[in-house]
Amino acid sequence: MTDTATRTWDGMTIPVAGTYLLDQAHKRIGFLSRHMMVSPVRGEFAEATAQITVAEDPLLSSVTATITSASLTTGSVDRDTHLKSADFLDVERHPTLEYRSTGIRWASNDNPIFQWARLRNHRLGGRGRSHTVPPQSGGAPNRFILIGELTVKGITRAVDLSVLFGGARRDPYGQNIFGFSATAEINREDYGLLWNVALESGGVLVGRTVQIEIAGEAIHQA
Protein backbone atom coordinates (compact mmCIF):
# COMPACT_ATOMS: atom_id res chain seq x y z
CA MET A 1 0.00 0.00 0.00
CA THR A 2 1.30 3.46 -0.84
CA ASP A 3 1.76 6.18 1.77
CA THR A 4 -1.00 8.24 0.18
CA ALA A 5 -4.36 7.21 -1.21
CA THR A 6 -4.75 10.06 -3.68
CA ARG A 7 -2.98 12.57 -5.88
CA THR A 8 -3.95 15.71 -7.74
CA TRP A 9 -4.34 15.74 -11.51
CA ASP A 10 -5.73 18.59 -13.58
CA GLY A 11 -7.45 20.03 -10.51
CA MET A 12 -9.02 16.69 -9.53
CA THR A 13 -8.28 14.37 -6.63
CA ILE A 14 -7.72 10.96 -8.17
CA PRO A 15 -6.38 7.57 -6.99
CA VAL A 16 -2.68 6.79 -7.06
CA ALA A 17 -1.43 4.72 -9.98
CA GLY A 18 -1.65 0.96 -9.66
CA THR A 19 -3.88 -2.06 -10.02
CA TYR A 20 -7.39 -1.99 -8.53
CA LEU A 21 -9.96 -4.78 -8.23
CA LEU A 22 -13.73 -4.39 -8.11
CA ASP A 23 -14.98 -4.60 -4.52
CA GLN A 24 -17.44 -7.50 -4.42
CA ALA A 25 -19.32 -5.95 -1.50
CA HIS A 26 -19.88 -2.64 -3.32
CA LYS A 27 -20.91 -3.23 -6.91
CA ARG A 28 -23.95 -3.35 -9.16
CA ILE A 29 -23.85 -4.57 -12.75
CA GLY A 30 -27.37 -3.72 -13.82
CA PHE A 31 -29.51 -3.34 -16.89
CA LEU A 32 -32.92 -2.03 -17.88
CA SER A 33 -35.23 -2.91 -20.76
CA ARG A 34 -38.91 -2.43 -21.52
CA HIS A 35 -41.78 -4.91 -21.35
CA MET A 36 -44.78 -4.50 -23.67
CA MET A 37 -43.25 -1.18 -24.84
CA VAL A 38 -44.50 0.56 -21.67
CA SER A 39 -42.93 -0.68 -18.41
CA PRO A 40 -39.26 -0.77 -17.40
CA VAL A 41 -37.82 -4.04 -16.10
CA ARG A 42 -34.55 -3.88 -14.18
CA GLY A 43 -32.13 -6.69 -13.53
CA GLU A 44 -28.53 -7.30 -12.58
CA PHE A 45 -25.69 -9.78 -12.65
CA ALA A 46 -24.73 -10.78 -9.11
CA GLU A 47 -21.31 -12.15 -10.04
CA ALA A 48 -18.68 -10.05 -11.80
CA THR A 49 -15.00 -9.25 -11.53
CA ALA A 50 -13.04 -6.32 -12.91
CA GLN A 51 -9.43 -5.19 -12.93
CA ILE A 52 -8.71 -1.50 -13.36
CA THR A 53 -5.18 -0.36 -14.13
CA VAL A 54 -4.81 3.30 -13.15
CA ALA A 55 -1.88 4.74 -15.09
CA GLU A 56 0.42 7.61 -14.13
CA ASP A 57 -1.40 9.46 -16.91
CA PRO A 58 -5.04 8.68 -16.02
CA LEU A 59 -6.09 8.90 -19.67
CA LEU A 60 -3.92 5.84 -20.33
CA SER A 61 -5.77 3.74 -17.74
CA SER A 62 -7.56 0.51 -18.72
CA VAL A 63 -10.30 -1.86 -17.57
CA THR A 64 -11.10 -5.53 -18.11
CA ALA A 65 -14.26 -7.13 -16.70
CA THR A 66 -15.86 -10.56 -16.67
CA ILE A 67 -19.54 -11.11 -15.84
CA THR A 68 -21.04 -14.51 -15.00
CA SER A 69 -24.07 -14.79 -17.27
CA ALA A 70 -25.90 -17.35 -15.09
CA SER A 71 -25.87 -14.90 -12.15
CA LEU A 72 -28.57 -12.83 -13.89
CA THR A 73 -31.58 -11.96 -11.75
CA THR A 74 -34.64 -9.79 -12.40
CA GLY A 75 -36.81 -10.81 -9.46
CA SER A 76 -38.86 -13.32 -11.49
CA VAL A 77 -37.78 -16.98 -11.65
CA ASP A 78 -39.66 -17.67 -14.89
CA ARG A 79 -38.27 -14.57 -16.59
CA ASP A 80 -34.74 -15.32 -15.39
CA THR A 81 -34.96 -18.88 -16.71
CA HIS A 82 -36.03 -17.58 -20.12
CA LEU A 83 -33.27 -14.93 -20.23
CA LYS A 84 -30.66 -17.60 -19.42
CA SER A 85 -31.97 -19.92 -22.15
CA ALA A 86 -30.80 -20.20 -25.76
CA ASP A 87 -33.43 -17.60 -26.72
CA PHE A 88 -31.28 -14.99 -25.01
CA LEU A 89 -27.93 -15.39 -23.20
CA ASP A 90 -27.58 -19.18 -23.61
CA VAL A 91 -25.59 -19.38 -20.37
CA GLU A 92 -24.63 -23.05 -20.78
CA ARG A 93 -22.73 -22.34 -24.00
CA HIS A 94 -21.65 -18.80 -23.05
CA PRO A 95 -20.92 -18.68 -19.31
CA THR A 96 -19.46 -15.15 -19.32
CA LEU A 97 -19.85 -11.68 -20.81
CA GLU A 98 -16.63 -9.74 -21.27
CA TYR A 99 -15.71 -6.07 -21.46
CA ARG A 100 -12.32 -4.66 -22.43
CA SER A 101 -11.48 -0.99 -22.67
CA THR A 102 -9.43 0.37 -25.55
CA GLY A 103 -9.17 4.03 -24.52
CA ILE A 104 -10.47 6.82 -22.33
CA ARG A 105 -11.17 10.50 -22.87
CA TRP A 106 -12.81 13.46 -21.19
CA ALA A 107 -16.55 13.72 -21.62
CA SER A 108 -17.60 16.92 -23.38
CA ASN A 109 -18.95 19.63 -21.07
CA ASP A 110 -20.39 21.71 -23.90
CA ASN A 111 -24.05 22.67 -23.89
CA PRO A 112 -25.54 21.80 -27.34
CA ILE A 113 -27.39 25.14 -27.58
CA PHE A 114 -24.11 27.03 -27.12
CA GLN A 115 -22.41 24.82 -29.69
CA TRP A 116 -25.17 25.62 -32.20
CA ALA A 117 -24.75 29.31 -31.47
CA ARG A 118 -21.02 29.17 -32.16
CA LEU A 119 -21.51 27.31 -35.42
CA ARG A 120 -24.05 29.91 -36.55
CA ASN A 121 -21.94 32.79 -35.26
CA HIS A 122 -25.08 33.69 -33.36
CA ARG A 123 -25.38 36.03 -30.35
CA LEU A 124 -27.86 35.17 -27.66
CA GLY A 125 -29.71 38.29 -26.68
CA GLY A 126 -33.02 39.84 -25.83
CA ARG A 127 -34.65 43.20 -25.06
CA GLY A 128 -31.72 45.17 -26.36
CA ARG A 129 -29.07 43.20 -24.46
CA SER A 130 -26.58 40.86 -26.03
CA HIS A 131 -24.89 37.96 -24.31
CA THR A 132 -21.60 36.43 -25.28
CA VAL A 133 -21.65 32.71 -25.87
CA PRO A 134 -19.66 31.01 -23.06
CA PRO A 135 -16.31 29.53 -24.08
CA GLN A 136 -16.16 25.82 -24.78
CA SER A 137 -14.75 23.64 -22.01
CA GLY A 138 -12.31 20.86 -22.83
CA GLY A 139 -14.04 18.38 -20.54
CA ALA A 140 -16.43 17.92 -17.68
CA PRO A 141 -14.87 17.44 -14.24
CA ASN A 142 -15.25 13.85 -13.02
CA ARG A 143 -16.87 12.68 -16.29
CA PHE A 144 -15.15 10.47 -18.82
CA ILE A 145 -15.93 8.26 -21.81
CA LEU A 146 -14.50 4.76 -21.50
CA ILE A 147 -14.04 3.41 -25.03
CA GLY A 148 -14.22 -0.35 -25.26
CA GLU A 149 -15.66 -3.60 -26.55
CA LEU A 150 -18.41 -5.78 -25.08
CA THR A 151 -18.60 -9.49 -25.91
CA VAL A 152 -21.93 -11.29 -25.51
CA LYS A 153 -22.54 -14.84 -26.85
CA GLY A 154 -19.21 -14.70 -28.65
CA ILE A 155 -20.13 -11.49 -30.52
CA THR A 156 -18.00 -8.42 -29.89
CA ARG A 157 -19.24 -4.87 -30.50
CA ALA A 158 -17.89 -1.43 -29.62
CA VAL A 159 -19.56 -0.02 -26.50
CA ASP A 160 -18.54 3.26 -24.90
CA LEU A 161 -19.40 3.80 -21.25
CA SER A 162 -20.24 7.24 -19.86
CA VAL A 163 -18.35 7.22 -16.56
CA LEU A 164 -18.84 9.42 -13.50
CA PHE A 165 -15.80 9.32 -11.19
CA GLY A 166 -17.06 9.35 -7.60
CA GLY A 167 -13.85 10.18 -5.74
CA ALA A 168 -10.89 8.51 -4.08
CA ARG A 169 -9.82 8.08 -0.44
CA ARG A 170 -8.51 5.65 2.17
CA ASP A 171 -11.24 3.66 3.89
CA PRO A 172 -11.41 2.85 7.65
CA TYR A 173 -9.67 -0.48 6.98
CA GLY A 174 -6.60 1.19 5.48
CA GLN A 175 -7.44 0.35 1.87
CA ASN A 176 -7.06 2.84 -0.95
CA ILE A 177 -10.34 2.94 -2.87
CA PHE A 178 -12.20 4.93 -5.48
CA GLY A 179 -15.83 4.94 -6.59
CA PHE A 180 -17.51 5.24 -9.95
CA SER A 181 -20.72 4.77 -11.90
CA ALA A 182 -21.24 4.20 -15.60
CA THR A 183 -24.01 3.96 -18.17
CA ALA A 184 -24.37 2.89 -21.79
CA GLU A 185 -27.07 1.84 -24.23
CA ILE A 186 -26.94 -1.17 -26.55
CA ASN A 187 -29.22 -2.94 -29.01
CA ARG A 188 -29.49 -6.56 -27.87
CA GLU A 189 -30.08 -7.71 -31.44
CA ASP A 190 -26.50 -6.68 -32.25
CA TYR A 191 -25.48 -9.65 -30.08
CA GLY A 192 -27.83 -12.20 -31.61
CA LEU A 193 -30.46 -11.85 -28.86
CA LEU A 194 -33.29 -11.85 -31.38
CA TRP A 195 -36.21 -13.55 -29.60
CA ASN A 196 -39.39 -11.48 -29.48
CA VAL A 197 -43.16 -11.50 -29.94
CA ALA A 198 -44.99 -8.95 -32.07
CA LEU A 199 -47.92 -7.26 -30.32
CA GLU A 200 -51.28 -6.93 -32.05
CA SER A 201 -51.39 -3.28 -31.01
CA GLY A 202 -47.96 -2.65 -32.49
CA GLY A 203 -44.47 -2.96 -31.12
CA VAL A 204 -42.87 -5.97 -29.46
CA LEU A 205 -43.04 -7.82 -26.17
CA VAL A 206 -39.39 -7.28 -25.17
CA GLY A 207 -37.59 -4.03 -25.89
CA ARG A 208 -34.60 -4.16 -28.21
CA THR A 209 -32.74 -1.36 -26.41
CA VAL A 210 -30.96 -2.26 -23.17
CA GLN A 211 -29.60 0.38 -20.83
CA ILE A 212 -26.52 -0.62 -18.85
CA GLU A 213 -26.23 0.68 -15.28
CA ILE A 214 -22.99 0.12 -13.37
CA ALA A 215 -21.85 1.30 -9.94
CA GLY A 216 -18.99 0.22 -7.76
CA GLU A 217 -15.83 0.71 -5.75
CA ALA A 218 -12.35 -0.51 -6.60
CA ILE A 219 -9.64 -1.46 -4.10
CA HIS A 220 -5.91 -0.87 -4.63
CA GLN A 221 -3.82 -4.03 -4.67
CA ALA A 222 -0.51 -3.99 -2.80
C-alpha atoms as a PDB file:
ATOM      1  CA  MET A   1       0.000   0.000   0.000  1.00  0.00           C
ATOM      2  CA  THR A   2       1.297   3.458  -0.843  1.00  0.00           C
ATOM      3  CA  ASP A   3       1.760   6.180   1.769  1.00  0.00           C
ATOM      4  CA  THR A   4      -0.999   8.241   0.178  1.00  0.00           C
ATOM      5  CA  ALA A   5      -4.355   7.207  -1.213  1.00  0.00           C
ATOM      6  CA  THR A   6      -4.755  10.059  -3.685  1.00  0.00           C
ATOM      7  CA  ARG A   7      -2.976  12.568  -5.885  1.00  0.00           C
ATOM      8  CA  THR A   8      -3.946  15.707  -7.739  1.00  0.00           C
ATOM      9  CA  TRP A   9      -4.343  15.736 -11.505  1.00  0.00           C
ATOM     10  CA  ASP A  10      -5.725  18.587 -13.578  1.00  0.00           C
ATOM     11  CA  GLY A  11      -7.450  20.029 -10.513  1.00  0.00           C
ATOM     12  CA  MET A  12      -9.016  16.687  -9.532  1.00  0.00           C
ATOM     13  CA  THR A  13      -8.275  14.373  -6.631  1.00  0.00           C
ATOM     14  CA  ILE A  14      -7.716  10.956  -8.171  1.00  0.00           C
ATOM     15  CA  PRO A  15      -6.377   7.572  -6.990  1.00  0.00           C
ATOM     16  CA  VAL A  16      -2.678   6.789  -7.055  1.00  0.00           C
ATOM     17  CA  ALA A  17      -1.430   4.722  -9.980  1.00  0.00           C
ATOM     18  CA  GLY A  18      -1.645   0.964  -9.665  1.00  0.00           C
ATOM     19  CA  THR A  19      -3.885  -2.062 -10.023  1.00  0.00           C
ATOM     20  CA  TYR A  20      -7.393  -1.995  -8.530  1.00  0.00           C
ATOM     21  CA  LEU A  21      -9.958  -4.777  -8.233  1.00  0.00           C
ATOM     22  CA  LEU A  22     -13.728  -4.393  -8.115  1.00  0.00           C
ATOM     23  CA  ASP A  23     -14.982  -4.603  -4.516  1.00  0.00           C
ATOM     24  CA  GLN A  24     -17.436  -7.501  -4.420  1.00  0.00           C
ATOM     25  CA  ALA A  25     -19.323  -5.953  -1.505  1.00  0.00           C
ATOM     26  CA  HIS A  26     -19.883  -2.639  -3.320  1.00  0.00           C
ATOM     27  CA  LYS A  27     -20.914  -3.229  -6.907  1.00  0.00           C
ATOM     28  CA  ARG A  28     -23.953  -3.347  -9.165  1.00  0.00           C
ATOM     29  CA  ILE A  29     -23.851  -4.567 -12.745  1.00  0.00           C
ATOM     30  CA  GLY A  30     -27.366  -3.720 -13.818  1.00  0.00           C
ATOM     31  CA  PHE A  31     -29.508  -3.342 -16.894  1.00  0.00           C
ATOM     32  CA  LEU A  32     -32.920  -2.027 -17.884  1.00  0.00           C
ATOM     33  CA  SER A  33     -35.229  -2.909 -20.761  1.00  0.00           C
ATOM     34  CA  ARG A  34     -38.915  -2.430 -21.520  1.00  0.00           C
ATOM     35  CA  HIS A  35     -41.777  -4.909 -21.347  1.00  0.00           C
ATOM     36  CA  MET A  36     -44.782  -4.503 -23.668  1.00  0.00           C
ATOM     37  CA  MET A  37     -43.254  -1.182 -24.835  1.00  0.00           C
ATOM     38  CA  VAL A  38     -44.497   0.564 -21.668  1.00  0.00           C
ATOM     39  CA  SER A  39     -42.935  -0.676 -18.415  1.00  0.00           C
ATOM     40  CA  PRO A  40     -39.261  -0.772 -17.399  1.00  0.00           C
ATOM     41  CA  VAL A  41     -37.819  -4.038 -16.102  1.00  0.00           C
ATOM     42  CA  ARG A  42     -34.552  -3.878 -14.183  1.00  0.00           C
ATOM     43  CA  GLY A  43     -32.129  -6.694 -13.526  1.00  0.00           C
ATOM     44  CA  GLU A  44     -28.529  -7.301 -12.582  1.00  0.00           C
ATOM     45  CA  PHE A  45     -25.686  -9.783 -12.650  1.00  0.00           C
ATOM     46  CA  ALA A  46     -24.734 -10.778  -9.108  1.00  0.00           C
ATOM     47  CA  GLU A  47     -21.313 -12.149 -10.036  1.00  0.00           C
ATOM     48  CA  ALA A  48     -18.685 -10.048 -11.799  1.00  0.00           C
ATOM     49  CA  THR A  49     -14.999  -9.245 -11.531  1.00  0.00           C
ATOM     50  CA  ALA A  50     -13.037  -6.322 -12.908  1.00  0.00           C
ATOM     51  CA  GLN A  51      -9.431  -5.186 -12.927  1.00  0.00           C
ATOM     52  CA  ILE A  52      -8.707  -1.498 -13.364  1.00  0.00           C
ATOM     53  CA  THR A  53      -5.183  -0.357 -14.128  1.00  0.00           C
ATOM     54  CA  VAL A  54      -4.806   3.299 -13.153  1.00  0.00           C
ATOM     55  CA  ALA A  55      -1.879   4.741 -15.095  1.00  0.00           C
ATOM     56  CA  GLU A  56       0.415   7.614 -14.127  1.00  0.00           C
ATOM     57  CA  ASP A  57      -1.396   9.459 -16.907  1.00  0.00           C
ATOM     58  CA  PRO A  58      -5.044   8.678 -16.019  1.00  0.00           C
ATOM     59  CA  LEU A  59      -6.089   8.904 -19.667  1.00  0.00           C
ATOM     60  CA  LEU A  60      -3.917   5.840 -20.329  1.00  0.00           C
ATOM     61  CA  SER A  61      -5.774   3.740 -17.744  1.00  0.00           C
ATOM     62  CA  SER A  62      -7.559   0.510 -18.724  1.00  0.00           C
ATOM     63  CA  VAL A  63     -10.298  -1.863 -17.571  1.00  0.00           C
ATOM     64  CA  THR A  64     -11.099  -5.532 -18.112  1.00  0.00           C
ATOM     65  CA  ALA A  65     -14.257  -7.128 -16.697  1.00  0.00           C
ATOM     66  CA  THR A  66     -15.857 -10.558 -16.665  1.00  0.00           C
ATOM     67  CA  ILE A  67     -19.543 -11.109 -15.840  1.00  0.00           C
ATOM     68  CA  THR A  68     -21.036 -14.512 -14.996  1.00  0.00           C
ATOM     69  CA  SER A  69     -24.073 -14.788 -17.268  1.00  0.00           C
ATOM     70  CA  ALA A  70     -25.898 -17.351 -15.094  1.00  0.00           C
ATOM     71  CA  SER A  71     -25.865 -14.899 -12.154  1.00  0.00           C
ATOM     72  CA  LEU A  72     -28.573 -12.826 -13.886  1.00  0.00           C
ATOM     73  CA  THR A  73     -31.577 -11.960 -11.752  1.00  0.00           C
ATOM     74  CA  THR A  74     -34.639  -9.794 -12.402  1.00  0.00           C
ATOM     75  CA  GLY A  75     -36.806 -10.814  -9.464  1.00  0.00           C
ATOM     76  CA  SER A  76     -38.863 -13.319 -11.493  1.00  0.00           C
ATOM     77  CA  VAL A  77     -37.784 -16.976 -11.652  1.00  0.00           C
ATOM     78  CA  ASP A  78     -39.661 -17.668 -14.889  1.00  0.00           C
ATOM     79  CA  ARG A  79     -38.274 -14.570 -16.591  1.00  0.00           C
ATOM     80  CA  ASP A  80     -34.740 -15.321 -15.392  1.00  0.00           C
ATOM     81  CA  THR A  81     -34.964 -18.883 -16.713  1.00  0.00           C
ATOM     82  CA  HIS A  82     -36.030 -17.585 -20.125  1.00  0.00           C
ATOM     83  CA  LEU A  83     -33.274 -14.932 -20.227  1.00  0.00           C
ATOM     84  CA  LYS A  84     -30.661 -17.600 -19.423  1.00  0.00           C
ATOM     85  CA  SER A  85     -31.967 -19.922 -22.152  1.00  0.00           C
ATOM     86  CA  ALA A  86     -30.796 -20.201 -25.757  1.00  0.00           C
ATOM     87  CA  ASP A  87     -33.435 -17.603 -26.721  1.00  0.00           C
ATOM     88  CA  PHE A  88     -31.278 -14.988 -25.006  1.00  0.00           C
ATOM     89  CA  LEU A  89     -27.927 -15.394 -23.199  1.00  0.00           C
ATOM     90  CA  ASP A  90     -27.578 -19.178 -23.606  1.00  0.00           C
ATOM     91  CA  VAL A  91     -25.587 -19.381 -20.373  1.00  0.00           C
ATOM     92  CA  GLU A  92     -24.630 -23.047 -20.780  1.00  0.00           C
ATOM     93  CA  ARG A  93     -22.727 -22.337 -23.995  1.00  0.00           C
ATOM     94  CA  HIS A  94     -21.645 -18.798 -23.054  1.00  0.00           C
ATOM     95  CA  PRO A  95     -20.918 -18.676 -19.314  1.00  0.00           C
ATOM     96  CA  THR A  96     -19.460 -15.145 -19.323  1.00  0.00           C
ATOM     97  CA  LEU A  97     -19.855 -11.684 -20.809  1.00  0.00           C
ATOM     98  CA  GLU A  98     -16.625  -9.745 -21.269  1.00  0.00           C
ATOM     99  CA  TYR A  99     -15.706  -6.074 -21.456  1.00  0.00           C
ATOM    100  CA  ARG A 100     -12.316  -4.661 -22.434  1.00  0.00           C
ATOM    101  CA  SER A 101     -11.478  -0.988 -22.668  1.00  0.00           C
ATOM    102  CA  THR A 102      -9.429   0.372 -25.553  1.00  0.00           C
ATOM    103  CA  GLY A 103      -9.172   4.032 -24.519  1.00  0.00           C
ATOM    104  CA  ILE A 104     -10.470   6.822 -22.325  1.00  0.00           C
ATOM    105  CA  ARG A 105     -11.166  10.497 -22.866  1.00  0.00           C
ATOM    106  CA  TRP A 106     -12.815  13.455 -21.185  1.00  0.00           C
ATOM    107  CA  ALA A 107     -16.555  13.725 -21.615  1.00  0.00           C
ATOM    108  CA  SER A 108     -17.601  16.925 -23.376  1.00  0.00           C
ATOM    109  CA  ASN A 109     -18.948  19.635 -21.073  1.00  0.00           C
ATOM    110  CA  ASP A 110     -20.388  21.708 -23.897  1.00  0.00           C
ATOM    111  CA  ASN A 111     -24.047  22.669 -23.893  1.00  0.00           C
ATOM    112  CA  PRO A 112     -25.535  21.804 -27.337  1.00  0.00           C
ATOM    113  CA  ILE A 113     -27.387  25.143 -27.585  1.00  0.00           C
ATOM    114  CA  PHE A 114     -24.109  27.031 -27.121  1.00  0.00           C
ATOM    115  CA  GLN A 115     -22.407  24.821 -29.688  1.00  0.00           C
ATOM    116  CA  TRP A 116     -25.173  25.617 -32.199  1.00  0.00           C
ATOM    117  CA  ALA A 117     -24.750  29.311 -31.469  1.00  0.00           C
ATOM    118  CA  ARG A 118     -21.023  29.166 -32.156  1.00  0.00           C
ATOM    119  CA  LEU A 119     -21.515  27.314 -35.419  1.00  0.00           C
ATOM    120  CA  ARG A 120     -24.052  29.909 -36.548  1.00  0.00           C
ATOM    121  CA  ASN A 121     -21.936  32.786 -35.257  1.00  0.00           C
ATOM    122  CA  HIS A 122     -25.081  33.689 -33.358  1.00  0.00           C
ATOM    123  CA  ARG A 123     -25.382  36.027 -30.348  1.00  0.00           C
ATOM    124  CA  LEU A 124     -27.863  35.171 -27.663  1.00  0.00           C
ATOM    125  CA  GLY A 125     -29.708  38.295 -26.676  1.00  0.00           C
ATOM    126  CA  GLY A 126     -33.015  39.845 -25.827  1.00  0.00           C
ATOM    127  CA  ARG A 127     -34.650  43.204 -25.064  1.00  0.00           C
ATOM    128  CA  GLY A 128     -31.716  45.171 -26.362  1.00  0.00           C
ATOM    129  CA  ARG A 129     -29.073  43.204 -24.457  1.00  0.00           C
ATOM    130  CA  SER A 130     -26.579  40.859 -26.035  1.00  0.00           C
ATOM    131  CA  HIS A 131     -24.893  37.955 -24.309  1.00  0.00           C
ATOM    132  CA  THR A 132     -21.602  36.430 -25.284  1.00  0.00           C
ATOM    133  CA  VAL A 133     -21.653  32.709 -25.869  1.00  0.00           C
ATOM    134  CA  PRO A 134     -19.663  31.013 -23.060  1.00  0.00           C
ATOM    135  CA  PRO A 135     -16.314  29.526 -24.076  1.00  0.00           C
ATOM    136  CA  GLN A 136     -16.160  25.816 -24.776  1.00  0.00           C
ATOM    137  CA  SER A 137     -14.750  23.637 -22.013  1.00  0.00           C
ATOM    138  CA  GLY A 138     -12.312  20.861 -22.826  1.00  0.00           C
ATOM    139  CA  GLY A 139     -14.043  18.384 -20.544  1.00  0.00           C
ATOM    140  CA  ALA A 140     -16.433  17.919 -17.676  1.00  0.00           C
ATOM    141  CA  PRO A 141     -14.872  17.437 -14.237  1.00  0.00           C
ATOM    142  CA  ASN A 142     -15.251  13.852 -13.019  1.00  0.00           C
ATOM    143  CA  ARG A 143     -16.866  12.685 -16.286  1.00  0.00           C
ATOM    144  CA  PHE A 144     -15.147  10.466 -18.824  1.00  0.00           C
ATOM    145  CA  ILE A 145     -15.927   8.263 -21.811  1.00  0.00           C
ATOM    146  CA  LEU A 146     -14.497   4.760 -21.503  1.00  0.00           C
ATOM    147  CA  ILE A 147     -14.039   3.412 -25.025  1.00  0.00           C
ATOM    148  CA  GLY A 148     -14.218  -0.347 -25.260  1.00  0.00           C
ATOM    149  CA  GLU A 149     -15.658  -3.598 -26.551  1.00  0.00           C
ATOM    150  CA  LEU A 150     -18.408  -5.783 -25.079  1.00  0.00           C
ATOM    151  CA  THR A 151     -18.600  -9.486 -25.908  1.00  0.00           C
ATOM    152  CA  VAL A 152     -21.931 -11.292 -25.514  1.00  0.00           C
ATOM    153  CA  LYS A 153     -22.536 -14.839 -26.854  1.00  0.00           C
ATOM    154  CA  GLY A 154     -19.206 -14.696 -28.654  1.00  0.00           C
ATOM    155  CA  ILE A 155     -20.128 -11.494 -30.521  1.00  0.00           C
ATOM    156  CA  THR A 156     -17.997  -8.415 -29.888  1.00  0.00           C
ATOM    157  CA  ARG A 157     -19.241  -4.874 -30.498  1.00  0.00           C
ATOM    158  CA  ALA A 158     -17.894  -1.432 -29.621  1.00  0.00           C
ATOM    159  CA  VAL A 159     -19.562  -0.021 -26.502  1.00  0.00           C
ATOM    160  CA  ASP A 160     -18.539   3.259 -24.903  1.00  0.00           C
ATOM    161  CA  LEU A 161     -19.397   3.800 -21.248  1.00  0.00           C
ATOM    162  CA  SER A 162     -20.238   7.237 -19.864  1.00  0.00           C
ATOM    163  CA  VAL A 163     -18.347   7.221 -16.556  1.00  0.00           C
ATOM    164  CA  LEU A 164     -18.836   9.422 -13.502  1.00  0.00           C
ATOM    165  CA  PHE A 165     -15.800   9.321 -11.185  1.00  0.00           C
ATOM    166  CA  GLY A 166     -17.064   9.353  -7.602  1.00  0.00           C
ATOM    167  CA  GLY A 167     -13.848  10.182  -5.740  1.00  0.00           C
ATOM    168  CA  ALA A 168     -10.886   8.511  -4.080  1.00  0.00           C
ATOM    169  CA  ARG A 169      -9.821   8.075  -0.444  1.00  0.00           C
ATOM    170  CA  ARG A 170      -8.515   5.646   2.175  1.00  0.00           C
ATOM    171  CA  ASP A 171     -11.242   3.657   3.892  1.00  0.00           C
ATOM    172  CA  PRO A 172     -11.414   2.855   7.646  1.00  0.00           C
ATOM    173  CA  TYR A 173      -9.669  -0.481   6.981  1.00  0.00           C
ATOM    174  CA  GLY A 174      -6.602   1.191   5.479  1.00  0.00           C
ATOM    175  CA  GLN A 175      -7.444   0.352   1.872  1.00  0.00           C
ATOM    176  CA  ASN A 176      -7.055   2.836  -0.948  1.00  0.00           C
ATOM    177  CA  ILE A 177     -10.336   2.938  -2.873  1.00  0.00           C
ATOM    178  CA  PHE A 178     -12.201   4.929  -5.477  1.00  0.00           C
ATOM    179  CA  GLY A 179     -15.830   4.944  -6.593  1.00  0.00           C
ATOM    180  CA  PHE A 180     -17.511   5.240  -9.955  1.00  0.00           C
ATOM    181  CA  SER A 181     -20.720   4.766 -11.898  1.00  0.00           C
ATOM    182  CA  ALA A 182     -21.236   4.198 -15.600  1.00  0.00           C
ATOM    183  CA  THR A 183     -24.006   3.962 -18.173  1.00  0.00           C
ATOM    184  CA  ALA A 184     -24.373   2.887 -21.785  1.00  0.00           C
ATOM    185  CA  GLU A 185     -27.069   1.841 -24.229  1.00  0.00           C
ATOM    186  CA  ILE A 186     -26.940  -1.167 -26.550  1.00  0.00           C
ATOM    187  CA  ASN A 187     -29.217  -2.938 -29.009  1.00  0.00           C
ATOM    188  CA  ARG A 188     -29.485  -6.556 -27.869  1.00  0.00           C
ATOM    189  CA  GLU A 189     -30.083  -7.709 -31.443  1.00  0.00           C
ATOM    190  CA  ASP A 190     -26.499  -6.680 -32.255  1.00  0.00           C
ATOM    191  CA  TYR A 191     -25.476  -9.645 -30.080  1.00  0.00           C
ATOM    192  CA  GLY A 192     -27.826 -12.197 -31.609  1.00  0.00           C
ATOM    193  CA  LEU A 193     -30.463 -11.854 -28.863  1.00  0.00           C
ATOM    194  CA  LEU A 194     -33.292 -11.854 -31.379  1.00  0.00           C
ATOM    195  CA  TRP A 195     -36.214 -13.552 -29.601  1.00  0.00           C
ATOM    196  CA  ASN A 196     -39.394 -11.476 -29.482  1.00  0.00           C
ATOM    197  CA  VAL A 197     -43.160 -11.504 -29.935  1.00  0.00           C
ATOM    198  CA  ALA A 198     -44.988  -8.953 -32.068  1.00  0.00           C
ATOM    199  CA  LEU A 199     -47.919  -7.264 -30.319  1.00  0.00           C
ATOM    200  CA  GLU A 200     -51.279  -6.933 -32.051  1.00  0.00           C
ATOM    201  CA  SER A 201     -51.392  -3.280 -31.011  1.00  0.00           C
ATOM    202  CA  GLY A 202     -47.958  -2.646 -32.493  1.00  0.00           C
ATOM    203  CA  GLY A 203     -44.466  -2.964 -31.115  1.00  0.00           C
ATOM    204  CA  VAL A 204     -42.865  -5.967 -29.465  1.00  0.00           C
ATOM    205  CA  LEU A 205     -43.044  -7.820 -26.166  1.00  0.00           C
ATOM    206  CA  VAL A 206     -39.388  -7.279 -25.169  1.00  0.00           C
ATOM    207  CA  GLY A 207     -37.593  -4.026 -25.895  1.00  0.00           C
ATOM    208  CA  ARG A 208     -34.597  -4.163 -28.210  1.00  0.00           C
ATOM    209  CA  THR A 209     -32.744  -1.365 -26.406  1.00  0.00           C
ATOM    210  CA  VAL A 210     -30.956  -2.261 -23.175  1.00  0.00           C
ATOM    211  CA  GLN A 211     -29.596   0.379 -20.828  1.00  0.00           C
ATOM    212  CA  ILE A 212     -26.519  -0.624 -18.851  1.00  0.00           C
ATOM    213  CA  GLU A 213     -26.235   0.683 -15.284  1.00  0.00           C
ATOM    214  CA  ILE A 214     -22.987   0.121 -13.366  1.00  0.00           C
ATOM    215  CA  ALA A 215     -21.848   1.304  -9.936  1.00  0.00           C
ATOM    216  CA  GLY A 216     -18.989   0.220  -7.756  1.00  0.00           C
ATOM    217  CA  GLU A 217     -15.828   0.712  -5.754  1.00  0.00           C
ATOM    218  CA  ALA A 218     -12.355  -0.510  -6.604  1.00  0.00           C
ATOM    219  CA  ILE A 219      -9.635  -1.463  -4.098  1.00  0.00           C
ATOM    220  CA  HIS A 220      -5.911  -0.872  -4.631  1.00  0.00           C
ATOM    221  CA  GLN A 221      -3.816  -4.027  -4.672  1.00  0.00           C
ATOM    222  CA  ALA A 222      -0.515  -3.993  -2.797  1.00  0.00           C
END
